[in-house]
Amino acid sequence: MGIEWLRPAVFVGSIVYALVGVLLFWLCFLIIDKITPYDLWAEIIEKHNRALALVVAAMCLGISIIVAAAIHG
């Protein structure tokens, strides 16, 4: 593998892609939170809705995989 990943262009590119991925993830999460009929955060934290927490976790993994595939490919 070598030390090619230490080149400044590769390192900066990786950081930029990571930041873009995180921003896209949060944007998608906020959009989904807005289009649902209730507040996801309040349901999970205040009402301890575990079923909804699992659905949101699966959604987060799905969005993350899509963003990673879009950035990588």
N, C-alpha and C. Protein backbone atom coordinates (compact mmCIF):
# COMPACT_ATOMS: atom_id res chain seq x y z
N MET A 1 0.83 -1.19 0.00
CA MET A 1 0.00 0.00 0.00
C MET A 1 0.87 1.25 0.00
N GLY A 2 1.91 1.28 0.73
CA GLY A 2 2.82 2.42 0.69
C GLY A 2 2.32 3.61 1.46
N ILE A 3 2.94 4.74 1.15
CA ILE A 3 2.58 5.97 1.86
C ILE A 3 1.88 6.97 0.93
N GLU A 4 1.24 6.46 -0.09
CA GLU A 4 0.57 7.34 -1.04
C GLU A 4 -0.54 8.16 -0.39
N TRP A 5 -1.18 7.61 0.63
CA TRP A 5 -2.27 8.33 1.29
C TRP A 5 -1.77 9.54 2.08
N LEU A 6 -0.46 9.66 2.26
CA LEU A 6 0.10 10.80 2.98
C LEU A 6 0.31 12.03 2.09
N ARG A 7 0.14 11.86 0.79
CA ARG A 7 0.28 13.02 -0.09
C ARG A 7 -0.78 14.05 0.26
N PRO A 8 -0.42 15.33 0.25
CA PRO A 8 -1.38 16.38 0.67
C PRO A 8 -2.66 16.37 -0.15
N ALA A 9 -2.58 16.16 -1.44
CA ALA A 9 -3.79 16.18 -2.27
C ALA A 9 -4.74 15.04 -1.89
N VAL A 10 -4.20 13.87 -1.64
CA VAL A 10 -5.02 12.73 -1.27
C VAL A 10 -5.63 12.94 0.11
N PHE A 11 -4.83 13.44 1.03
CA PHE A 11 -5.31 13.67 2.40
C PHE A 11 -6.41 14.72 2.43
N VAL A 12 -6.20 15.84 1.75
CA VAL A 12 -7.20 16.91 1.72
C VAL A 12 -8.47 16.44 1.01
N GLY A 13 -8.30 15.68 -0.06
CA GLY A 13 -9.46 15.13 -0.77
C GLY A 13 -10.29 14.23 0.13
N SER A 14 -9.63 13.41 0.91
CA SER A 14 -10.34 12.52 1.83
C SER A 14 -11.11 13.31 2.88
N ILE A 15 -10.49 14.35 3.41
CA ILE A 15 -11.17 15.18 4.41
C ILE A 15 -12.38 15.88 3.79
N VAL A 16 -12.22 16.42 2.59
CA VAL A 16 -13.32 17.12 1.92
C VAL A 16 -14.47 16.16 1.65
N TYR A 17 -14.16 14.97 1.13
CA TYR A 17 -15.22 13.99 0.86
C TYR A 17 -15.91 13.55 2.14
N ALA A 18 -15.17 13.40 3.22
CA ALA A 18 -15.78 13.03 4.50
C ALA A 18 -16.74 14.12 4.97
N LEU A 19 -16.32 15.38 4.87
CA LEU A 19 -17.18 16.49 5.28
C LEU A 19 -18.43 16.59 4.40
N VAL A 20 -18.25 16.40 3.10
CA VAL A 20 -19.41 16.41 2.19
C VAL A 20 -20.37 15.28 2.54
N GLY A 21 -19.84 14.11 2.84
CA GLY A 21 -20.68 12.98 3.22
C GLY A 21 -21.47 13.24 4.49
N VAL A 22 -20.82 13.81 5.49
CA VAL A 22 -21.50 14.11 6.75
C VAL A 22 -22.57 15.18 6.54
N LEU A 23 -22.26 16.20 5.76
CA LEU A 23 -23.24 17.25 5.49
C LEU A 23 -24.45 16.71 4.73
N LEU A 24 -24.21 15.85 3.74
CA LEU A 24 -25.32 15.25 3.01
C LEU A 24 -26.17 14.36 3.91
N PHE A 25 -25.50 13.62 4.78
CA PHE A 25 -26.23 12.78 5.71
C PHE A 25 -27.14 13.61 6.60
N TRP A 26 -26.62 14.68 7.20
CA TRP A 26 -27.44 15.50 8.09
C TRP A 26 -28.55 16.20 7.32
N LEU A 27 -28.28 16.63 6.10
CA LEU A 27 -29.32 17.26 5.30
C LEU A 27 -30.46 16.27 5.02
N CYS A 28 -30.12 15.05 4.65
CA CYS A 28 -31.15 14.04 4.40
C CYS A 28 -31.93 13.73 5.68
N PHE A 29 -31.23 13.64 6.80
CA PHE A 29 -31.92 13.37 8.06
C PHE A 29 -32.88 14.49 8.42
N LEU A 30 -32.45 15.73 8.24
CA LEU A 30 -33.33 16.86 8.55
C LEU A 30 -34.55 16.89 7.64
N ILE A 31 -34.36 16.56 6.38
CA ILE A 31 -35.49 16.52 5.45
C ILE A 31 -36.49 15.45 5.86
N ILE A 32 -35.98 14.28 6.20
CA ILE A 32 -36.87 13.19 6.62
C ILE A 32 -37.56 13.55 7.93
N ASP A 33 -36.84 14.21 8.83
CA ASP A 33 -37.44 14.64 10.10
C ASP A 33 -38.57 15.63 9.86
N LYS A 34 -38.41 16.51 8.87
CA LYS A 34 -39.44 17.50 8.57
C LYS A 34 -40.67 16.91 7.90
N ILE A 35 -40.49 15.86 7.09
CA ILE A 35 -41.64 15.31 6.37
C ILE A 35 -42.42 14.27 7.17
N THR A 36 -41.86 13.82 8.29
CA THR A 36 -42.62 12.91 9.15
C THR A 36 -43.62 13.72 9.98
N PRO A 37 -44.74 13.12 10.35
CA PRO A 37 -45.78 13.88 11.04
C PRO A 37 -45.48 14.21 12.51
N TYR A 38 -44.38 13.74 13.05
CA TYR A 38 -44.04 14.00 14.44
C TYR A 38 -42.55 14.29 14.56
N ASP A 39 -42.14 14.78 15.70
CA ASP A 39 -40.74 15.11 15.94
C ASP A 39 -39.98 13.85 16.32
N LEU A 40 -39.09 13.41 15.45
CA LEU A 40 -38.36 12.16 15.69
C LEU A 40 -37.55 12.23 16.99
N TRP A 41 -36.87 13.33 17.20
CA TRP A 41 -36.00 13.45 18.37
C TRP A 41 -36.81 13.37 19.67
N ALA A 42 -37.94 14.06 19.72
CA ALA A 42 -38.78 14.03 20.93
C ALA A 42 -39.35 12.64 21.17
N GLU A 43 -39.76 11.98 20.10
CA GLU A 43 -40.31 10.63 20.24
C GLU A 43 -39.26 9.66 20.79
N ILE A 44 -38.04 9.77 20.31
CA ILE A 44 -37.00 8.83 20.72
C ILE A 44 -36.47 9.16 22.12
N ILE A 45 -36.17 10.41 22.37
CA ILE A 45 -35.54 10.80 23.63
C ILE A 45 -36.55 10.93 24.77
N GLU A 46 -37.63 11.65 24.55
CA GLU A 46 -38.57 11.93 25.64
C GLU A 46 -39.54 10.78 25.90
N LYS A 47 -40.03 10.17 24.83
CA LYS A 47 -41.01 9.11 24.98
C LYS A 47 -40.39 7.72 24.96
N HIS A 48 -39.10 7.62 24.71
CA HIS A 48 -38.35 6.35 24.69
C HIS A 48 -38.96 5.33 23.73
N ASN A 49 -39.26 5.78 22.55
CA ASN A 49 -39.85 4.92 21.53
C ASN A 49 -38.73 4.12 20.85
N ARG A 50 -38.53 2.90 21.31
CA ARG A 50 -37.43 2.07 20.81
C ARG A 50 -37.66 1.59 19.38
N ALA A 51 -38.89 1.33 19.04
CA ALA A 51 -39.19 0.89 17.67
C ALA A 51 -38.84 1.98 16.67
N LEU A 52 -39.20 3.20 16.99
CA LEU A 52 -38.86 4.32 16.11
C LEU A 52 -37.35 4.54 16.08
N ALA A 53 -36.69 4.34 17.20
CA ALA A 53 -35.23 4.47 17.23
C ALA A 53 -34.56 3.46 16.31
N LEU A 54 -35.08 2.25 16.25
CA LEU A 54 -34.52 1.25 15.34
C LEU A 54 -34.78 1.61 13.88
N VAL A 55 -35.96 2.14 13.60
CA VAL A 55 -36.27 2.57 12.23
C VAL A 55 -35.35 3.71 11.82
N VAL A 56 -35.14 4.67 12.71
CA VAL A 56 -34.26 5.80 12.41
C VAL A 56 -32.81 5.32 12.24
N ALA A 57 -32.39 4.36 13.06
CA ALA A 57 -31.04 3.82 12.92
C ALA A 57 -30.87 3.13 11.57
N ALA A 58 -31.85 2.37 11.14
CA ALA A 58 -31.79 1.72 9.83
C ALA A 58 -31.78 2.75 8.71
N MET A 59 -32.57 3.81 8.88
CA MET A 59 -32.60 4.88 7.90
C MET A 59 -31.23 5.55 7.81
N CYS A 60 -30.62 5.79 8.96
CA CYS A 60 -29.29 6.43 8.99
C CYS A 60 -28.26 5.56 8.29
N LEU A 61 -28.29 4.27 8.52
CA LEU A 61 -27.36 3.37 7.83
C LEU A 61 -27.60 3.38 6.33
N GLY A 62 -28.86 3.38 5.93
CA GLY A 62 -29.17 3.42 4.50
C GLY A 62 -28.69 4.70 3.84
N ILE A 63 -28.94 5.84 4.48
CA ILE A 63 -28.47 7.11 3.92
C ILE A 63 -26.94 7.13 3.85
N SER A 64 -26.30 6.61 4.89
CA SER A 64 -24.83 6.59 4.92
C SER A 64 -24.26 5.74 3.80
N ILE A 65 -24.87 4.60 3.55
CA ILE A 65 -24.40 3.73 2.46
C ILE A 65 -24.59 4.40 1.11
N ILE A 66 -25.71 5.07 0.92
CA ILE A 66 -25.98 5.75 -0.35
C ILE A 66 -24.98 6.90 -0.56
N VAL A 67 -24.74 7.69 0.48
CA VAL A 67 -23.80 8.80 0.37
C VAL A 67 -22.39 8.28 0.10
N ALA A 68 -21.99 7.22 0.81
CA ALA A 68 -20.66 6.65 0.61
C ALA A 68 -20.51 6.12 -0.81
N ALA A 69 -21.53 5.46 -1.33
CA ALA A 69 -21.46 4.94 -2.70
C ALA A 69 -21.41 6.07 -3.72
N ALA A 70 -22.15 7.14 -3.46
CA ALA A 70 -22.15 8.28 -4.39
C ALA A 70 -20.80 8.97 -4.40
N ILE A 71 -20.18 9.10 -3.25
CA ILE A 71 -18.88 9.77 -3.18
C ILE A 71 -17.79 8.88 -3.74
N HIS A 72 -17.84 7.61 -3.44
CA HIS A 72 -16.79 6.68 -3.87
C HIS A 72 -16.85 6.41 -5.38
N GLY A 73 -18.07 6.28 -5.88
CA GLY A 73 -18.21 5.86 -7.26
C GLY A 73 -18.27 6.99 -8.19
